[in-house]
Amino acid sequence: MPKKLTIEDLEKRKEKEELQEEMGEELEELYDLVMPPGTPSYIIYDLVEEFDLEPVERNLNVNIVECDKREVIALRGKLEVVKEAEQYFFQEMEAYVE
């Protein structure tokens, strides 16, 4: 059974990234891959681990039945890595749906 993703897992990773940020790493040239609501947690966990992306929370308007402002998970990283992660995400979602 895949590991269940918890907000604590994401917060630990965020704290690690904040420490690196304080040590002088630049945040320029970073992009977000927004995870749609309902994405299985194991796919998000795999993306974070495999591509070393930083999970962050974003407030976006989500149009499901009604337009609501929701907090969604976004995975942040350099453009090349985010593009690779996006391809992996589509492959995993396709396998999940089938």
C-alpha atoms as a PDB file:
ATOM      1  CA  MET A   1       0.000   0.000   0.000  1.00  0.00           C
ATOM      2  CA  PRO A   2       1.414   3.409  -0.897  1.00  0.00           C
ATOM      3  CA  LYS A   3       2.389   5.814   1.843  1.00  0.00           C
ATOM      4  CA  LYS A   4      -0.394   8.228   2.706  1.00  0.00           C
ATOM      5  CA  LEU A   5       0.719  11.804   2.246  1.00  0.00           C
ATOM      6  CA  THR A   6       0.122  14.083   5.197  1.00  0.00           C
ATOM      7  CA  ILE A   7       0.468  17.830   5.540  1.00  0.00           C
ATOM      8  CA  GLU A   8       3.195  17.183   8.138  1.00  0.00           C
ATOM      9  CA  ASP A   9       5.306  15.469   5.451  1.00  0.00           C
ATOM     10  CA  LEU A  10       4.994  18.510   3.256  1.00  0.00           C
ATOM     11  CA  GLU A  11       5.711  20.926   6.107  1.00  0.00           C
ATOM     12  CA  LYS A  12       8.924  19.073   7.028  1.00  0.00           C
ATOM     13  CA  ARG A  13      10.091  19.379   3.467  1.00  0.00           C
ATOM     14  CA  LYS A  14       9.158  23.068   3.393  1.00  0.00           C
ATOM     15  CA  GLU A  15      11.175  23.733   6.565  1.00  0.00           C
ATOM     16  CA  LYS A  16      14.187  22.057   4.974  1.00  0.00           C
ATOM     17  CA  GLU A  17      13.860  24.276   1.927  1.00  0.00           C
ATOM     18  CA  GLU A  18      13.524  27.401   4.072  1.00  0.00           C
ATOM     19  CA  LEU A  19      16.823  26.568   5.763  1.00  0.00           C
ATOM     20  CA  GLN A  20      18.508  26.272   2.380  1.00  0.00           C
ATOM     21  CA  GLU A  21      16.920  29.562   1.359  1.00  0.00           C
ATOM     22  CA  GLU A  22      18.357  31.308   4.413  1.00  0.00           C
ATOM     23  CA  MET A  23      21.782  29.996   3.504  1.00  0.00           C
ATOM     24  CA  GLY A  24      21.753  32.005   0.296  1.00  0.00           C
ATOM     25  CA  GLU A  25      20.162  29.858  -2.394  1.00  0.00           C
ATOM     26  CA  GLU A  26      18.297  31.945  -4.903  1.00  0.00           C
ATOM     27  CA  LEU A  27      14.591  31.534  -5.511  1.00  0.00           C
ATOM     28  CA  GLU A  28      14.639  33.124  -8.933  1.00  0.00           C
ATOM     29  CA  GLU A  29      13.595  31.113 -11.963  1.00  0.00           C
ATOM     30  CA  LEU A  30      11.283  28.788 -10.013  1.00  0.00           C
ATOM     31  CA  TYR A  31       7.999  27.507 -11.427  1.00  0.00           C
ATOM     32  CA  ASP A  32       4.946  25.823  -9.889  1.00  0.00           C
ATOM     33  CA  LEU A  33       3.206  22.634 -10.970  1.00  0.00           C
ATOM     34  CA  VAL A  34      -0.302  22.884  -9.481  1.00  0.00           C
ATOM     35  CA  MET A  35      -1.840  19.599  -8.373  1.00  0.00           C
ATOM     36  CA  PRO A  36      -5.522  19.392  -9.293  1.00  0.00           C
ATOM     37  CA  PRO A  37      -7.923  18.713  -6.414  1.00  0.00           C
ATOM     38  CA  GLY A  38      -8.468  14.969  -6.134  1.00  0.00           C
ATOM     39  CA  THR A  39      -4.962  13.979  -7.232  1.00  0.00           C
ATOM     40  CA  PRO A  40      -4.011  10.746  -5.427  1.00  0.00           C
ATOM     41  CA  SER A  41      -1.585  11.485  -2.617  1.00  0.00           C
ATOM     42  CA  TYR A  42       0.881   8.779  -3.684  1.00  0.00           C
ATOM     43  CA  ILE A  43       1.408  10.579  -7.013  1.00  0.00           C
ATOM     44  CA  ILE A  44       2.153  13.851  -5.222  1.00  0.00           C
ATOM     45  CA  TYR A  45       4.512  12.075  -2.829  1.00  0.00           C
ATOM     46  CA  ASP A  46       6.320  10.392  -5.753  1.00  0.00           C
ATOM     47  CA  LEU A  47       6.742  13.720  -7.559  1.00  0.00           C
ATOM     48  CA  VAL A  48       8.176  15.394  -4.443  1.00  0.00           C
ATOM     49  CA  GLU A  49      10.619  12.556  -3.818  1.00  0.00           C
ATOM     50  CA  GLU A  50      11.649  11.715  -7.376  1.00  0.00           C
ATOM     51  CA  PHE A  51      12.054  15.240  -8.731  1.00  0.00           C
ATOM     52  CA  ASP A  52      13.068  16.994  -5.482  1.00  0.00           C
ATOM     53  CA  LEU A  53      10.320  19.594  -5.795  1.00  0.00           C
ATOM     54  CA  GLU A  54       9.243  21.878  -2.968  1.00  0.00           C
ATOM     55  CA  PRO A  55       5.577  21.525  -1.972  1.00  0.00           C
ATOM     56  CA  VAL A  56       3.857  24.864  -1.335  1.00  0.00           C
ATOM     57  CA  GLU A  57       0.273  25.932  -0.746  1.00  0.00           C
ATOM     58  CA  ARG A  58      -1.438  28.225  -3.242  1.00  0.00           C
ATOM     59  CA  ASN A  59      -4.838  29.909  -3.104  1.00  0.00           C
ATOM     60  CA  LEU A  60      -6.612  29.506  -6.435  1.00  0.00           C
ATOM     61  CA  ASN A  61     -10.125  29.758  -7.779  1.00  0.00           C
ATOM     62  CA  VAL A  62     -11.327  26.211  -8.403  1.00  0.00           C
ATOM     63  CA  ASN A  63     -14.360  25.713 -10.641  1.00  0.00           C
ATOM     64  CA  ILE A  64     -16.013  22.536  -9.405  1.00  0.00           C
ATOM     65  CA  VAL A  65     -19.796  23.046  -9.448  1.00  0.00           C
ATOM     66  CA  GLU A  66     -19.258  26.557  -8.049  1.00  0.00           C
ATOM     67  CA  CYS A  67     -16.235  28.817  -8.205  1.00  0.00           C
ATOM     68  CA  ASP A  68     -14.564  28.596  -4.812  1.00  0.00           C
ATOM     69  CA  LYS A  69     -11.222  29.863  -3.592  1.00  0.00           C
ATOM     70  CA  ARG A  70      -9.275  26.842  -2.297  1.00  0.00           C
ATOM     71  CA  GLU A  71      -5.856  26.030  -1.013  1.00  0.00           C
ATOM     72  CA  VAL A  72      -4.182  23.651  -3.437  1.00  0.00           C
ATOM     73  CA  ILE A  73      -0.796  21.983  -3.419  1.00  0.00           C
ATOM     74  CA  ALA A  74       1.784  23.214  -5.904  1.00  0.00           C
ATOM     75  CA  LEU A  75       5.202  21.688  -6.463  1.00  0.00           C
ATOM     76  CA  ARG A  76       7.927  24.282  -7.027  1.00  0.00           C
ATOM     77  CA  GLY A  77      11.198  23.837  -8.861  1.00  0.00           C
ATOM     78  CA  LYS A  78      13.320  24.860 -11.824  1.00  0.00           C
ATOM     79  CA  LEU A  79      11.621  24.919 -15.217  1.00  0.00           C
ATOM     80  CA  GLU A  80      13.356  21.840 -16.680  1.00  0.00           C
ATOM     81  CA  VAL A  81      12.563  19.747 -13.603  1.00  0.00           C
ATOM     82  CA  VAL A  82       8.951  20.933 -13.470  1.00  0.00           C
ATOM     83  CA  LYS A  83       8.470  20.008 -17.144  1.00  0.00           C
ATOM     84  CA  GLU A  84       9.817  16.500 -16.497  1.00  0.00           C
ATOM     85  CA  ALA A  85       7.611  16.183 -13.416  1.00  0.00           C
ATOM     86  CA  GLU A  86       4.592  17.306 -15.439  1.00  0.00           C
ATOM     87  CA  GLN A  87       5.175  14.536 -17.998  1.00  0.00           C
ATOM     88  CA  TYR A  88       5.545  11.996 -15.193  1.00  0.00           C
ATOM     89  CA  PHE A  89       2.335  13.338 -13.600  1.00  0.00           C
ATOM     90  CA  PHE A  90       0.357  12.854 -16.827  1.00  0.00           C
ATOM     91  CA  GLN A  91       1.684   9.298 -17.223  1.00  0.00           C
ATOM     92  CA  GLU A  92       0.800   8.401 -13.634  1.00  0.00           C
ATOM     93  CA  MET A  93      -2.678   9.939 -13.889  1.00  0.00           C
ATOM     94  CA  GLU A  94      -3.334   8.050 -17.106  1.00  0.00           C
ATOM     95  CA  ALA A  95      -2.295   4.787 -15.433  1.00  0.00           C
ATOM     96  CA  TYR A  96      -4.466   5.644 -12.416  1.00  0.00           C
ATOM     97  CA  VAL A  97      -7.532   6.283 -14.570  1.00  0.00           C
ATOM     98  CA  GLU A  98      -7.086   3.055 -16.536  1.00  0.00           C
END
